[in-house]
Every structure is written in C-alpha cells, then in structure tokens.
Amino acid sequence: MANYVATARSNYFKVKNPKTFKSWVANCPNVGFISMDDGTFAVYSDDPDSGSWPNYRFDEETGDYEEFDFFAGVAEFMVDGEIAVFMEVGAEKLRYCNGYAIAVHSNGEYETLNLGRIYDLAEQRWGKRPNPAEY
C-alpha cells in the first residue's frame, strides 16, 4: 500500500507581530517558516509522513488531540488586508494526484481551488465528463 506524500507551502505575507507569530508557528505540529528581511513570512509543512498542512494538534490539558484550523490561526496574525495563499500538491504513487490552494484574507475569509474541479469544467465546456486520472 502506498502513502500519500505532499509538498505544501505558502506565499509570503506580512504579520502584525513577528515574534508572536514565530512562537505560534513553533507550537504548530510539523510546520516551519521562512522569514525575509522585509518582515514577510512564508510557512511550509514539515510533516515527515504526509507533507500536508496540520488539522490536529495535541492538547496538553486534555492529553488528547483536538481539531485545529491552521489557516484561521494564521489569519489572526496577518496585517489587515494581507492575503496568504496555501498550496498543497501530492500523490499516492500513481493511484491519484491531488492539488489545492486556499487563499485566506486577514479577516478570516477563505477561497479554495481544487484540481479535481477540472472534471466539472470539462463537462460544462464539452458536455462529457472525463474519466478520473486515478485507479
């Protein structure tokens, strides 16, 4: 059985308080950051198993894992008007390929785009749904 392996990173965006943001990222599971001289940051998945963005984190108080909205968390640190774009592409060998992007505004609103949408677009344009690129 194959494992899903992805690569995930963001664009560069400005945060209100770099020191607090660095501390917050350090407490996110399997996430790293890149900082530039102009005060902008990019984040990336450092998950050694899947490479995906985190959606759970360990809660020391309860001793259990809890759901976690990483993207909403980043939005809280962003300078007003900033937009962070998070991209992930991955595959489970040749079984299937996956790709998506999430644009997050500093006000917490999202826009998403998934590569699987291409099937809908092809069907709308040419009246026939292609078979999926998977097995």
C-alpha atoms as a PDB file:
ATOM      1  CA  MET A   1       0.000   0.000   0.000  1.00  0.00           C
ATOM      2  CA  ALA A   2       1.299   3.440  -0.924  1.00  0.00           C
ATOM      3  CA  ASN A   3       1.279   6.504   1.301  1.00  0.00           C
ATOM      4  CA  TYR A   4       0.075   9.948   0.334  1.00  0.00           C
ATOM      5  CA  VAL A   5       3.067  12.276   0.081  1.00  0.00           C
ATOM      6  CA  ALA A   6       2.634  16.003  -0.431  1.00  0.00           C
ATOM      7  CA  THR A   7       4.521  19.248  -0.564  1.00  0.00           C
ATOM      8  CA  ALA A   8       2.853  22.292   0.970  1.00  0.00           C
ATOM      9  CA  ARG A   9       3.908  25.902   1.294  1.00  0.00           C
ATOM     10  CA  SER A  10       2.502  29.419   1.299  1.00  0.00           C
ATOM     11  CA  ASN A  11       3.341  32.686  -0.385  1.00  0.00           C
ATOM     12  CA  TYR A  12       4.983  35.471   1.609  1.00  0.00           C
ATOM     13  CA  PHE A  13       2.729  37.655   3.764  1.00  0.00           C
ATOM     14  CA  LYS A  14       3.109  40.284   6.486  1.00  0.00           C
ATOM     15  CA  VAL A  15       2.227  39.683  10.124  1.00  0.00           C
ATOM     16  CA  LYS A  16       1.448  42.160  12.893  1.00  0.00           C
ATOM     17  CA  ASN A  17       3.931  40.808  15.430  1.00  0.00           C
ATOM     18  CA  PRO A  18       6.768  38.656  14.043  1.00  0.00           C
ATOM     19  CA  LYS A  19       7.937  37.462  17.465  1.00  0.00           C
ATOM     20  CA  THR A  20       4.474  36.210  18.478  1.00  0.00           C
ATOM     21  CA  PHE A  21       3.917  34.662  15.057  1.00  0.00           C
ATOM     22  CA  LYS A  22       7.210  32.743  15.238  1.00  0.00           C
ATOM     23  CA  SER A  23       6.237  31.434  18.672  1.00  0.00           C
ATOM     24  CA  TRP A  24       2.793  30.361  17.437  1.00  0.00           C
ATOM     25  CA  VAL A  25       4.249  28.554  14.406  1.00  0.00           C
ATOM     26  CA  ALA A  26       6.749  26.794  16.677  1.00  0.00           C
ATOM     27  CA  ASN A  27       3.754  25.319  18.528  1.00  0.00           C
ATOM     28  CA  CYS A  28       2.029  24.118  15.353  1.00  0.00           C
ATOM     29  CA  PRO A  29       2.680  20.461  14.561  1.00  0.00           C
ATOM     30  CA  ASN A  30       5.090  19.930  11.670  1.00  0.00           C
ATOM     31  CA  VAL A  31       5.104  23.497  10.350  1.00  0.00           C
ATOM     32  CA  GLY A  32       8.117  25.650   9.623  1.00  0.00           C
ATOM     33  CA  PHE A  33       8.546  29.203   8.432  1.00  0.00           C
ATOM     34  CA  ILE A  34      10.798  31.272   6.220  1.00  0.00           C
ATOM     35  CA  SER A  35      11.309  34.923   7.124  1.00  0.00           C
ATOM     36  CA  MET A  36      12.586  37.585   4.773  1.00  0.00           C
ATOM     37  CA  ASP A  37      14.446  40.814   5.511  1.00  0.00           C
ATOM     38  CA  ASP A  38      11.360  42.856   4.613  1.00  0.00           C
ATOM     39  CA  GLY A  39       9.404  41.296   7.517  1.00  0.00           C
ATOM     40  CA  THR A  40       7.358  38.900   5.419  1.00  0.00           C
ATOM     41  CA  PHE A  41       6.890  35.227   6.222  1.00  0.00           C
ATOM     42  CA  ALA A  42       6.069  32.049   4.348  1.00  0.00           C
ATOM     43  CA  VAL A  43       5.064  28.816   6.077  1.00  0.00           C
ATOM     44  CA  TYR A  44       5.542  25.247   4.909  1.00  0.00           C
ATOM     45  CA  SER A  45       4.613  21.769   6.018  1.00  0.00           C
ATOM     46  CA  ASP A  46       7.449  19.899   7.645  1.00  0.00           C
ATOM     47  CA  ASP A  47       5.375  16.753   8.233  1.00  0.00           C
ATOM     48  CA  PRO A  48       7.736  13.810   7.697  1.00  0.00           C
ATOM     49  CA  ASP A  49       4.863  11.404   6.997  1.00  0.00           C
ATOM     50  CA  SER A  50       2.454  13.147   4.631  1.00  0.00           C
ATOM     51  CA  GLY A  51       3.729  16.663   3.956  1.00  0.00           C
ATOM     52  CA  SER A  52       0.197  18.017   4.454  1.00  0.00           C
ATOM     53  CA  TRP A  53      -0.995  21.003   6.440  1.00  0.00           C
ATOM     54  CA  PRO A  54      -1.868  20.173  10.051  1.00  0.00           C
ATOM     55  CA  ASN A  55      -5.500  19.813  11.092  1.00  0.00           C
ATOM     56  CA  TYR A  56      -4.983  18.307  14.564  1.00  0.00           C
ATOM     57  CA  ARG A  57      -2.723  19.220  17.449  1.00  0.00           C
ATOM     58  CA  PHE A  58      -2.051  17.758  20.863  1.00  0.00           C
ATOM     59  CA  ASP A  59      -3.775  19.448  23.813  1.00  0.00           C
ATOM     60  CA  GLU A  60      -1.575  19.211  26.912  1.00  0.00           C
ATOM     61  CA  GLU A  61      -4.524  19.886  29.236  1.00  0.00           C
ATOM     62  CA  THR A  62      -6.775  17.105  27.941  1.00  0.00           C
ATOM     63  CA  GLY A  63      -3.977  14.733  26.906  1.00  0.00           C
ATOM     64  CA  ASP A  64      -5.701  14.202  23.561  1.00  0.00           C
ATOM     65  CA  TYR A  65      -5.651  15.534  20.009  1.00  0.00           C
ATOM     66  CA  GLU A  66      -8.035  18.317  19.013  1.00  0.00           C
ATOM     67  CA  GLU A  67      -9.142  19.638  15.638  1.00  0.00           C
ATOM     68  CA  PHE A  68      -7.199  22.700  14.632  1.00  0.00           C
ATOM     69  CA  ASP A  69      -7.847  25.277  11.880  1.00  0.00           C
ATOM     70  CA  PHE A  70      -4.307  26.204  10.913  1.00  0.00           C
ATOM     71  CA  PHE A  71      -5.417  28.667   8.223  1.00  0.00           C
ATOM     72  CA  ALA A  72      -7.705  30.624  10.569  1.00  0.00           C
ATOM     73  CA  GLY A  73      -4.851  30.716  13.069  1.00  0.00           C
ATOM     74  CA  VAL A  74      -2.505  32.302  10.539  1.00  0.00           C
ATOM     75  CA  ALA A  75      -5.181  34.859   9.572  1.00  0.00           C
ATOM     76  CA  GLU A  76      -5.262  36.141  13.154  1.00  0.00           C
ATOM     77  CA  PHE A  77      -1.605  37.195  12.852  1.00  0.00           C
ATOM     78  CA  MET A  78      -1.755  38.790   9.411  1.00  0.00           C
ATOM     79  CA  VAL A  79      -1.596  42.539   8.824  1.00  0.00           C
ATOM     80  CA  ASP A  80      -5.003  43.936   7.800  1.00  0.00           C
ATOM     81  CA  GLY A  81      -5.577  43.479   4.085  1.00  0.00           C
ATOM     82  CA  GLU A  82      -2.950  40.744   3.655  1.00  0.00           C
ATOM     83  CA  ILE A  83      -3.731  37.559   1.756  1.00  0.00           C
ATOM     84  CA  ALA A  84      -1.911  34.283   2.354  1.00  0.00           C
ATOM     85  CA  VAL A  85      -2.112  31.549  -0.256  1.00  0.00           C
ATOM     86  CA  PHE A  86      -1.506  27.980   0.927  1.00  0.00           C
ATOM     87  CA  MET A  87      -0.776  25.381  -1.753  1.00  0.00           C
ATOM     88  CA  GLU A  88      -0.518  21.628  -1.448  1.00  0.00           C
ATOM     89  CA  VAL A  89       0.245  19.092  -4.161  1.00  0.00           C
ATOM     90  CA  GLY A  90       0.675  15.403  -3.584  1.00  0.00           C
ATOM     91  CA  ALA A  91       0.155  11.887  -4.796  1.00  0.00           C
ATOM     92  CA  GLU A  92      -0.285   8.341  -3.638  1.00  0.00           C
ATOM     93  CA  LYS A  93       2.152   6.858  -6.152  1.00  0.00           C
ATOM     94  CA  LEU A  94       0.182   6.673  -9.416  1.00  0.00           C
ATOM     95  CA  ARG A  95      -3.122   5.934  -7.715  1.00  0.00           C
ATOM     96  CA  TYR A  96      -4.145   9.576  -7.694  1.00  0.00           C
ATOM     97  CA  CYS A  97      -2.741  13.088  -7.762  1.00  0.00           C
ATOM     98  CA  ASN A  98      -4.139  15.891  -5.653  1.00  0.00           C
ATOM     99  CA  GLY A  99      -3.680  19.613  -5.571  1.00  0.00           C
ATOM    100  CA  TYR A 100      -5.437  22.504  -3.940  1.00  0.00           C
ATOM    101  CA  ALA A 101      -4.912  26.080  -2.885  1.00  0.00           C
ATOM    102  CA  ILE A 102      -6.562  28.103  -0.150  1.00  0.00           C
ATOM    103  CA  ALA A 103      -6.413  31.904  -0.179  1.00  0.00           C
ATOM    104  CA  VAL A 104      -7.005  33.346   3.288  1.00  0.00           C
ATOM    105  CA  HIS A 105      -7.685  37.026   3.862  1.00  0.00           C
ATOM    106  CA  SER A 106      -6.621  38.673   7.121  1.00  0.00           C
ATOM    107  CA  ASN A 107     -10.319  38.959   8.031  1.00  0.00           C
ATOM    108  CA  GLY A 108     -10.506  35.126   8.081  1.00  0.00           C
ATOM    109  CA  GLU A 109     -12.450  34.645   4.843  1.00  0.00           C
ATOM    110  CA  TYR A 110     -11.350  31.818   2.528  1.00  0.00           C
ATOM    111  CA  GLU A 111     -11.386  30.987  -1.168  1.00  0.00           C
ATOM    112  CA  THR A 112     -10.424  27.465  -2.264  1.00  0.00           C
ATOM    113  CA  LEU A 113      -9.478  25.843  -5.534  1.00  0.00           C
ATOM    114  CA  ASN A 114      -9.092  22.092  -6.089  1.00  0.00           C
ATOM    115  CA  LEU A 115      -7.525  20.453  -9.148  1.00  0.00           C
ATOM    116  CA  GLY A 116     -10.415  17.969  -9.175  1.00  0.00           C
ATOM    117  CA  ARG A 117     -12.612  20.844 -10.347  1.00  0.00           C
ATOM    118  CA  ILE A 118     -11.204  20.320 -13.834  1.00  0.00           C
ATOM    119  CA  TYR A 119     -13.699  17.462 -14.382  1.00  0.00           C
ATOM    120  CA  ASP A 120     -16.625  19.818 -13.771  1.00  0.00           C
ATOM    121  CA  LEU A 121     -15.133  22.463 -16.049  1.00  0.00           C
ATOM    122  CA  ALA A 122     -14.521  19.967 -18.872  1.00  0.00           C
ATOM    123  CA  GLU A 123     -18.050  18.604 -18.574  1.00  0.00           C
ATOM    124  CA  GLN A 124     -19.542  22.105 -18.621  1.00  0.00           C
ATOM    125  CA  ARG A 125     -17.496  23.091 -21.663  1.00  0.00           C
ATOM    126  CA  TRP A 126     -17.754  19.959 -23.817  1.00  0.00           C
ATOM    127  CA  GLY A 127     -20.783  18.117 -22.417  1.00  0.00           C
ATOM    128  CA  LYS A 128     -18.900  14.998 -21.384  1.00  0.00           C
ATOM    129  CA  ARG A 129     -17.333  14.150 -18.056  1.00  0.00           C
ATOM    130  CA  PRO A 130     -13.824  12.697 -18.455  1.00  0.00           C
ATOM    131  CA  ASN A 131     -12.875   9.609 -16.516  1.00  0.00           C
ATOM    132  CA  PRO A 132     -10.705  10.442 -13.473  1.00  0.00           C
ATOM    133  CA  ALA A 133      -6.906  10.313 -13.553  1.00  0.00           C
ATOM    134  CA  GLU A 134      -6.764   7.603 -10.897  1.00  0.00           C
ATOM    135  CA  TYR A 135      -7.282   3.885 -10.399  1.00  0.00           C
END
